[in-house]
């Protein structure tokens, strides 16, 4: 009987491992594994008759955020088109699975798998570049993904994992690990995604400071960044310079979209315009319909997590999401401060904290919390520190 239960547990763990790492390669495969892991874990609970699940102390902000989303959907004038955000609710099962199936060793195995898949996805991007031999904002590289933002968002989190593991766990094959990080940095550079560049650099700096809080860390980071800027190809340097150009197509588009979003929030402060209706009502709030044909103008969402939730689902929903993010960040920071410095115990909460920082920073310019591939990896990274505490208590 115990052997059978052990096999069920190991199977549920393996399926969950595939579910939270394969988004870097295939969303269809990852969600198939996730569905199987939920079924296997549920069957294990029935067989053992335990029904005592560990859940991280984020239950209230998460439940209230989901409730606010449901209310916005029910209040929407077109609920029939607003189901996609509700359909993402099942992905939050990752929190339960990780908290109950993972321990320190399994988390480390998942980090290694994420890193390897991140390198594989990066090699696919580099391969695409070698085929077309040019990059531009009109012909963006997407790797295994259907969109460059999805690709770069996943690689950003994989970089956080790789850098955090290297700094705190000190892998045996350090040169090989550094080579993998260099490959991911190259792929991220080729993606031409500026918000991800900023967030990834900030995340790596945060990890460095959490590991070595010293002025030399700032100096080394500054020198490395300067060298990258000098050695970067012309296309990347021009993309960096475009950050400050308000007439650059995507810069103009974001400013215009944000202005329209603020108007939506003013008109619908409590429940928003309705899930999935931002794009449909956008030109009711944007004064220039001719922008429909403007380069870089994609008003499918607000290109900002907080503004997206406020415009689509109302200010209360946006504040509840912010509460959830702050709670995650605070919990992981406290766990990091309380963890022993020996044996790399600080690594898991450090990676969880940095995942919150990077997703939030990148989410100032993109609705990355609504991207299933990015969300699935993120939910694993922020659930892992709670899993360590849960397994220690058991």
Protein backbone atom coordinates (compact mmCIF):
# COMPACT_ATOMS: atom_id res chain seq x y z
CA UNK A 1 0.00 0.00 0.00
CA UNK A 2 2.77 2.45 0.98
CA UNK A 3 4.67 1.55 -2.18
CA UNK A 4 1.60 2.36 -4.28
CA UNK A 5 1.16 5.70 -2.51
CA UNK A 6 4.84 6.49 -3.06
CA UNK A 7 4.48 5.78 -6.78
CA UNK A 8 1.40 8.00 -6.98
CA UNK A 9 3.25 10.81 -5.24
CA UNK A 10 6.28 10.45 -7.49
CA UNK A 11 4.07 10.36 -10.59
CA UNK A 12 2.16 13.47 -9.52
CA UNK A 13 5.47 15.24 -8.86
CA UNK A 14 6.90 14.30 -12.27
CA UNK A 15 3.74 15.42 -14.08
CA UNK A 16 3.77 18.72 -12.19
CA UNK A 17 7.47 19.17 -12.95
CA UNK A 18 6.72 18.84 -16.66
CA UNK A 19 3.70 21.10 -16.33
CA UNK A 20 5.63 24.02 -14.79
CA UNK A 21 8.78 23.78 -16.94
CA UNK A 22 7.51 22.92 -20.42
CA UNK A 23 5.78 26.32 -20.94
CA UNK A 24 9.19 27.46 -22.20
CA UNK A 25 8.80 25.03 -25.09
CA UNK A 26 5.12 24.14 -25.58
CA UNK A 27 2.00 25.42 -23.84
CA UNK A 28 -0.07 22.49 -25.12
CA UNK A 29 2.30 19.91 -23.66
CA UNK A 30 2.71 21.76 -20.37
CA UNK A 31 -1.02 22.14 -19.78
CA UNK A 32 -1.61 18.50 -20.70
CA UNK A 33 0.90 17.44 -18.07
CA UNK A 34 -0.65 19.87 -15.58
CA UNK A 35 -4.11 18.40 -16.10
CA UNK A 36 -2.73 14.88 -15.58
CA UNK A 37 -0.90 16.00 -12.44
CA UNK A 38 -4.09 17.45 -10.95
CA UNK A 39 -5.91 14.18 -11.63
CA UNK A 40 -3.08 12.07 -10.20
CA UNK A 41 -2.72 14.24 -7.11
CA UNK A 42 -6.47 14.12 -6.54
CA UNK A 43 -6.45 10.33 -6.84
CA UNK A 44 -3.57 10.15 -4.37
CA UNK A 45 -5.57 12.19 -1.86
CA UNK A 46 -8.56 9.86 -2.29
CA UNK A 47 -6.42 6.73 -1.91
CA UNK A 48 -4.67 8.00 1.21
CA UNK A 49 -7.81 9.69 2.59
CA UNK A 50 -5.69 12.55 3.90
CA UNK A 51 -7.48 15.60 2.48
CA UNK A 52 -5.18 17.86 4.47
CA UNK A 53 -3.61 20.19 1.95
CA UNK A 54 -0.97 22.80 2.61
CA UNK A 55 -1.80 26.17 1.10
CA UNK A 56 0.53 29.19 1.22
CA UNK A 57 -0.64 32.22 3.23
CA UNK A 58 -1.88 33.98 0.11
CA UNK A 59 -5.35 32.45 0.16
CA UNK A 60 -7.29 35.65 0.86
CA UNK A 61 -5.72 37.96 -1.74
CA UNK A 62 -5.90 35.19 -4.34
CA UNK A 63 -9.52 34.24 -3.61
CA UNK A 64 -10.63 37.87 -3.49
CA UNK A 65 -8.82 38.63 -6.75
CA UNK A 66 -10.58 35.70 -8.41
CA UNK A 67 -13.92 36.80 -6.91
CA UNK A 68 -13.47 40.34 -8.21
CA UNK A 69 -12.73 38.91 -11.66
CA UNK A 70 -15.89 36.80 -11.49
CA UNK A 71 -17.99 39.80 -10.46
CA UNK A 72 -16.58 41.87 -13.34
CA UNK A 73 -17.49 39.04 -15.72
CA UNK A 74 -21.04 38.76 -14.35
CA UNK A 75 -21.47 42.55 -14.61
CA UNK A 76 -20.04 42.71 -18.12
CA UNK A 77 -22.45 43.70 -20.93
CA UNK A 78 -20.89 40.89 -22.98
CA UNK A 79 -20.08 38.02 -20.62
CA UNK A 80 -20.02 35.58 -23.53
CA UNK A 81 -16.66 36.99 -24.72
CA UNK A 82 -15.13 37.30 -21.24
CA UNK A 83 -14.46 33.66 -20.40
CA UNK A 84 -10.67 33.47 -21.13
CA UNK A 85 -9.66 35.13 -17.81
CA UNK A 86 -11.92 32.71 -15.92
CA UNK A 87 -10.46 29.79 -17.84
CA UNK A 88 -7.04 30.69 -16.44
CA UNK A 89 -8.22 30.07 -12.87
CA UNK A 90 -7.33 26.40 -13.09
CA UNK A 91 -3.66 27.31 -13.52
CA UNK A 92 -3.62 28.43 -9.88
CA UNK A 93 -3.76 24.72 -9.02
CA UNK A 94 0.02 24.94 -9.51
CA UNK A 95 0.22 26.62 -6.10
CA UNK A 96 -1.44 23.66 -4.38
CA UNK A 97 0.55 21.07 -6.31
CA UNK A 98 3.92 22.68 -5.64
CA UNK A 99 3.15 23.35 -1.96
CA UNK A 100 2.19 19.71 -1.37
CA UNK A 101 4.42 17.75 -3.73
CA UNK A 102 7.75 19.58 -3.74
CA UNK A 103 10.57 19.68 -1.24
CA UNK A 104 13.99 21.28 -1.48
CA UNK A 105 15.48 18.50 -3.63
CA UNK A 106 12.55 18.47 -6.06
CA UNK A 107 12.64 22.24 -6.36
CA UNK A 108 16.31 22.10 -7.28
CA UNK A 109 15.52 19.48 -9.92
CA UNK A 110 12.83 21.78 -11.31
CA UNK A 111 15.29 24.71 -11.40
CA UNK A 112 17.75 22.60 -13.37
CA UNK A 113 15.02 21.50 -15.79
CA UNK A 114 13.83 25.08 -16.29
CA UNK A 115 17.37 26.20 -16.96
CA UNK A 116 18.02 23.45 -19.53
CA UNK A 117 14.74 24.18 -21.32
CA UNK A 118 15.55 27.89 -21.23
CA UNK A 119 18.87 27.20 -22.95
CA UNK A 120 17.09 24.99 -25.50
CA UNK A 121 14.53 27.73 -26.23
CA UNK A 122 17.37 30.24 -26.54
CA UNK A 123 19.22 28.04 -29.03
CA UNK A 124 16.04 27.95 -31.11
CA UNK A 125 16.00 31.77 -31.15
CA UNK A 126 19.68 31.94 -32.11
CA UNK A 127 19.02 29.36 -34.84
CA UNK A 128 16.22 31.52 -36.25
CA UNK A 129 18.56 34.50 -36.26
CA UNK A 130 21.25 32.55 -38.11
CA UNK A 131 18.67 31.64 -40.77
CA UNK A 132 17.25 35.14 -41.38
CA UNK A 133 20.51 36.89 -40.35
CA UNK A 134 18.75 40.09 -39.36
CA UNK A 135 16.54 41.39 -36.58
CA UNK A 136 14.10 44.26 -36.51
CA UNK A 137 10.88 45.29 -34.79
CA UNK A 138 8.99 44.28 -37.94
CA UNK A 139 10.41 40.74 -38.02
CA UNK A 140 10.71 39.66 -34.39
CA UNK A 141 12.12 36.29 -33.38
CA UNK A 142 9.72 34.08 -31.42
CA UNK A 143 11.54 30.78 -30.82
CA UNK A 144 9.11 28.03 -29.87
CA UNK A 145 6.46 30.61 -28.94
CA UNK A 146 3.82 32.36 -31.01
CA UNK A 147 4.81 35.85 -29.82
CA UNK A 148 8.06 37.54 -28.88
CA UNK A 149 6.63 38.85 -25.58
CA UNK A 150 5.76 35.31 -24.50
CA UNK A 151 9.22 34.12 -25.50
CA UNK A 152 11.08 36.90 -23.71
CA UNK A 153 8.87 36.69 -20.60
CA UNK A 154 9.63 33.00 -20.20
CA UNK A 155 13.35 33.49 -20.83
CA UNK A 156 13.40 36.33 -18.29
CA UNK A 157 12.18 33.97 -15.56
CA UNK A 158 14.56 31.23 -16.75
CA UNK A 159 17.43 33.74 -16.43
CA UNK A 160 16.34 34.52 -12.87
CA UNK A 161 16.40 30.81 -12.07
CA UNK A 162 19.77 30.29 -13.75
CA UNK A 163 21.42 33.29 -12.08
CA UNK A 164 19.91 32.50 -8.67
CA UNK A 165 20.94 28.86 -8.83
CA UNK A 166 24.47 29.80 -9.87
CA UNK A 167 24.88 32.37 -7.08
CA UNK A 168 23.36 30.40 -4.22
CA UNK A 169 23.63 26.69 -5.10
CA UNK A 170 27.02 26.95 -6.81
CA UNK A 171 26.59 24.20 -9.43
CA UNK A 172 29.43 21.77 -10.04
CA UNK A 173 29.79 22.60 -13.74
CA UNK A 174 30.08 26.37 -13.31
CA UNK A 175 31.61 27.18 -16.68
CA UNK A 176 28.90 25.18 -18.43
CA UNK A 177 26.26 26.96 -16.38
CA UNK A 178 27.73 30.35 -17.26
CA UNK A 179 27.74 29.35 -20.93
CA UNK A 180 24.02 28.54 -20.67
CA UNK A 181 23.35 31.93 -19.06
CA UNK A 182 25.30 33.63 -21.88
CA UNK A 183 23.16 31.82 -24.46
CA UNK A 184 19.96 33.01 -22.76
CA UNK A 185 21.26 36.58 -22.56
CA UNK A 186 22.06 36.44 -26.27
CA UNK A 187 18.55 35.20 -27.08
CA UNK A 188 16.97 37.89 -24.92
CA UNK A 189 19.07 40.51 -26.70
CA UNK A 190 17.90 39.24 -30.08
CA UNK A 191 14.25 39.47 -28.95
CA UNK A 192 14.56 43.30 -28.97
CA UNK A 193 12.14 43.43 -26.01
CA UNK A 194 13.19 46.48 -24.01
CA UNK A 195 10.95 46.02 -20.98
CA UNK A 196 12.31 42.49 -20.53
CA UNK A 197 15.87 43.77 -20.82
CA UNK A 198 15.25 46.26 -18.02
CA UNK A 199 13.45 43.75 -15.80
CA UNK A 200 16.06 41.00 -16.34
CA UNK A 201 18.96 43.33 -15.60
CA UNK A 202 17.17 44.53 -12.46
CA UNK A 203 16.48 40.95 -11.42
CA UNK A 204 20.09 39.84 -11.83
CA UNK A 205 21.27 42.90 -9.90
CA UNK A 206 18.81 42.12 -7.09
CA UNK A 207 20.14 38.55 -6.90
CA UNK A 208 23.74 39.79 -6.86
CA UNK A 209 22.98 42.21 -4.03
CA UNK A 210 21.11 39.54 -2.07
CA UNK A 211 24.18 37.32 -2.39
CA UNK A 212 26.89 39.99 -2.06
CA UNK A 213 25.68 43.28 -0.60
CA UNK A 214 28.73 45.38 -1.35
CA UNK A 215 29.66 48.45 -3.39
CA UNK A 216 31.84 46.21 -5.57
CA UNK A 217 28.66 44.50 -6.77
CA UNK A 218 27.38 47.81 -8.16
CA UNK A 219 30.75 48.53 -9.71
CA UNK A 220 30.99 45.13 -11.37
CA UNK A 221 27.40 45.35 -12.63
CA UNK A 222 28.06 48.83 -14.03
CA UNK A 223 31.21 47.69 -15.84
CA UNK A 224 29.48 44.62 -17.27
CA UNK A 225 26.53 46.69 -18.48
CA UNK A 226 28.82 49.27 -20.07
CA UNK A 227 30.71 46.54 -21.89
CA UNK A 228 27.46 45.05 -23.17
CA UNK A 229 26.29 48.45 -24.42
CA UNK A 230 29.55 49.08 -26.25
CA UNK A 231 29.80 45.62 -27.79
CA UNK A 232 26.12 45.29 -28.71
CA UNK A 233 25.27 45.15 -32.44
CA UNK A 234 23.85 48.27 -34.07
CA UNK A 235 20.26 46.99 -34.11
CA UNK A 236 20.32 46.43 -30.35
CA UNK A 237 21.99 49.78 -29.66
CA UNK A 238 19.33 51.56 -31.73
CA UNK A 239 16.64 49.69 -29.80
CA UNK A 240 18.17 50.88 -26.53
CA UNK A 241 18.31 54.48 -27.77
CA UNK A 242 14.64 54.27 -28.78
CA UNK A 243 13.62 53.94 -25.11
CA UNK A 244 13.77 57.74 -24.79
CA UNK A 245 12.03 58.56 -28.09
CA UNK A 246 8.34 59.32 -27.45
CA UNK A 247 7.65 59.28 -31.20
CA UNK A 248 8.96 55.74 -31.59
CA UNK A 249 5.91 53.66 -32.68
CA UNK A 250 5.61 51.39 -29.63
CA UNK A 251 6.37 54.27 -27.23
CA UNK A 252 3.66 56.39 -28.83
CA UNK A 253 1.27 53.45 -28.75
CA UNK A 254 1.78 52.73 -25.06
CA UNK A 255 1.28 56.35 -24.04
CA UNK A 256 -1.91 56.56 -26.11
CA UNK A 257 -3.19 53.23 -24.78
CA UNK A 258 -2.50 54.21 -21.19
CA UNK A 259 -4.38 57.51 -21.63
CA UNK A 260 -7.37 55.64 -23.02
CA UNK A 261 -7.12 53.14 -20.16
CA UNK A 262 -7.26 55.91 -17.56
CA UNK A 263 -10.46 57.17 -19.19
CA UNK A 264 -11.95 53.66 -19.01
CA UNK A 265 -11.14 53.48 -15.30
CA UNK A 266 -12.76 56.88 -14.68
CA UNK A 267 -15.94 55.78 -16.45
CA UNK A 268 -16.04 52.27 -14.93
CA UNK A 269 -14.15 52.39 -11.61
CA UNK A 270 -15.83 49.46 -9.85
CA UNK A 271 -16.11 46.58 -12.33
CA UNK A 272 -14.30 47.90 -15.40
CA UNK A 273 -15.48 47.67 -19.00
CA UNK A 274 -15.67 43.87 -18.73
CA UNK A 275 -13.20 41.01 -19.29
CA UNK A 276 -11.86 40.84 -22.85
CA UNK A 277 -13.65 44.09 -23.82
CA UNK A 278 -10.71 46.51 -23.68
CA UNK A 279 -9.86 46.06 -27.36
CA UNK A 280 -13.53 46.22 -28.34
CA UNK A 281 -14.25 49.58 -26.67
CA UNK A 282 -10.78 51.09 -27.07
CA UNK A 283 -11.63 53.50 -29.87
CA UNK A 284 -14.57 54.83 -27.87
CA UNK A 285 -11.92 56.29 -25.55
CA UNK A 286 -9.07 56.97 -27.98
CA UNK A 287 -9.60 60.18 -29.99
CA UNK A 288 -7.62 59.15 -33.09
CA UNK A 289 -9.26 56.25 -35.01
CA UNK A 290 -6.65 56.63 -37.76
CA UNK A 291 -4.15 55.04 -35.35
CA UNK A 292 -5.66 51.69 -36.31
CA UNK A 293 -3.18 51.60 -39.20
CA UNK A 294 -0.25 53.06 -37.28
CA UNK A 295 2.88 50.90 -36.95
CA UNK A 296 3.31 49.35 -33.51
CA UNK A 297 -0.23 50.18 -32.39
CA UNK A 298 -1.77 47.09 -30.76
CA UNK A 299 -4.57 48.07 -28.33
CA UNK A 300 -5.45 44.46 -27.47
CA UNK A 301 -4.79 45.21 -23.79
CA UNK A 302 -3.35 48.00 -21.64
CA UNK A 303 0.30 46.88 -21.80
CA UNK A 304 0.39 47.27 -18.02
CA UNK A 305 -0.81 44.71 -15.47
CA UNK A 306 -2.27 47.11 -12.93
CA UNK A 307 -3.98 49.34 -15.49
CA UNK A 308 -5.30 46.29 -17.36
CA UNK A 309 -7.03 44.93 -14.26
CA UNK A 310 -8.39 48.38 -13.35
CA UNK A 311 -9.74 49.08 -16.84
CA UNK A 312 -11.04 45.58 -17.52
CA UNK A 313 -12.22 44.47 -14.07
CA UNK A 314 -12.28 47.59 -11.88
CA UNK A 315 -10.07 49.31 -9.31
CA UNK A 316 -10.89 46.82 -6.49
CA UNK A 317 -9.64 43.93 -8.63
CA UNK A 318 -6.44 45.83 -9.49
CA UNK A 319 -5.78 46.58 -5.81
CA UNK A 320 -6.37 42.94 -4.86
CA UNK A 321 -3.85 41.85 -7.49
CA UNK A 322 -1.39 44.39 -6.09
CA UNK A 323 -2.01 42.99 -2.59
CA UNK A 324 -1.25 39.50 -3.89
CA UNK A 325 2.04 40.61 -5.46
CA UNK A 326 3.12 42.57 -2.38
CA UNK A 327 2.24 39.63 -0.14
CA UNK A 328 4.32 37.27 -2.27
CA UNK A 329 7.28 39.65 -2.31
CA UNK A 330 7.14 40.34 1.43
CA UNK A 331 6.83 36.66 2.39
CA UNK A 332 9.80 35.65 0.25
CA UNK A 333 11.91 38.54 1.49
CA UNK A 334 11.22 37.50 5.09
CA UNK A 335 12.04 33.88 4.27
CA UNK A 336 15.27 34.99 2.64
CA UNK A 337 16.31 37.01 5.70
CA UNK A 338 15.45 34.14 8.04
CA UNK A 339 17.17 31.40 6.00
CA UNK A 340 20.60 30.13 6.89
CA UNK A 341 23.40 31.34 4.63
CA UNK A 342 24.99 27.89 4.54
CA UNK A 343 24.13 25.23 1.95
CA UNK A 344 22.39 27.74 -0.29
CA UNK A 345 19.17 27.79 1.74
CA UNK A 346 18.60 31.42 0.82
CA UNK A 347 18.50 30.58 -2.87
CA UNK A 348 14.88 29.43 -3.14
CA UNK A 349 13.29 32.47 -1.42
CA UNK A 350 15.75 34.73 -3.27
CA UNK A 351 14.60 33.35 -6.62
CA UNK A 352 10.94 33.62 -5.54
CA UNK A 353 11.41 37.26 -4.48
CA UNK A 354 13.27 38.15 -7.68
CA UNK A 355 10.56 36.49 -9.79
CA UNK A 356 8.05 38.90 -8.24
CA UNK A 357 10.34 41.88 -8.89
CA UNK A 358 11.01 41.00 -12.52
CA UNK A 359 7.40 40.13 -13.39
CA UNK A 360 6.20 43.36 -11.79
CA UNK A 361 8.80 45.54 -13.55
CA UNK A 362 8.21 43.94 -16.95
CA UNK A 363 4.48 44.19 -16.23
CA UNK A 364 4.72 47.97 -16.15
CA UNK A 365 4.92 47.80 -19.95
CA UNK A 366 3.16 44.52 -20.76
CA UNK A 367 0.19 42.46 -19.53
CA UNK A 368 2.40 39.49 -18.68
CA UNK A 369 0.19 38.18 -15.85
CA UNK A 370 -2.35 37.34 -18.55
CA UNK A 371 0.17 35.29 -20.54
CA UNK A 372 -0.42 31.62 -19.60
CA UNK A 373 3.12 30.46 -20.39
CA UNK A 374 4.70 33.17 -18.25
CA UNK A 375 2.08 32.81 -15.51
CA UNK A 376 2.64 29.06 -15.13
CA UNK A 377 6.40 29.42 -14.63
CA UNK A 378 5.86 32.39 -12.31
CA UNK A 379 3.38 30.49 -10.13
CA UNK A 380 5.89 27.71 -9.67
CA UNK A 381 8.72 30.08 -8.72
CA UNK A 382 6.65 31.97 -6.14
CA UNK A 383 5.15 28.76 -4.70
CA UNK A 384 8.52 27.03 -4.23
CA UNK A 385 9.58 28.95 -1.06
CA UNK A 386 6.28 28.01 0.60
CA UNK A 387 6.84 24.38 -0.41
CA UNK A 388 10.16 24.31 1.47
CA UNK A 389 8.45 25.57 4.64
CA UNK A 390 5.61 23.08 4.20
CA UNK A 391 7.92 20.08 3.69
CA UNK A 392 10.03 21.13 6.72
CA UNK A 393 6.91 21.24 8.91
CA UNK A 394 5.85 17.79 7.71
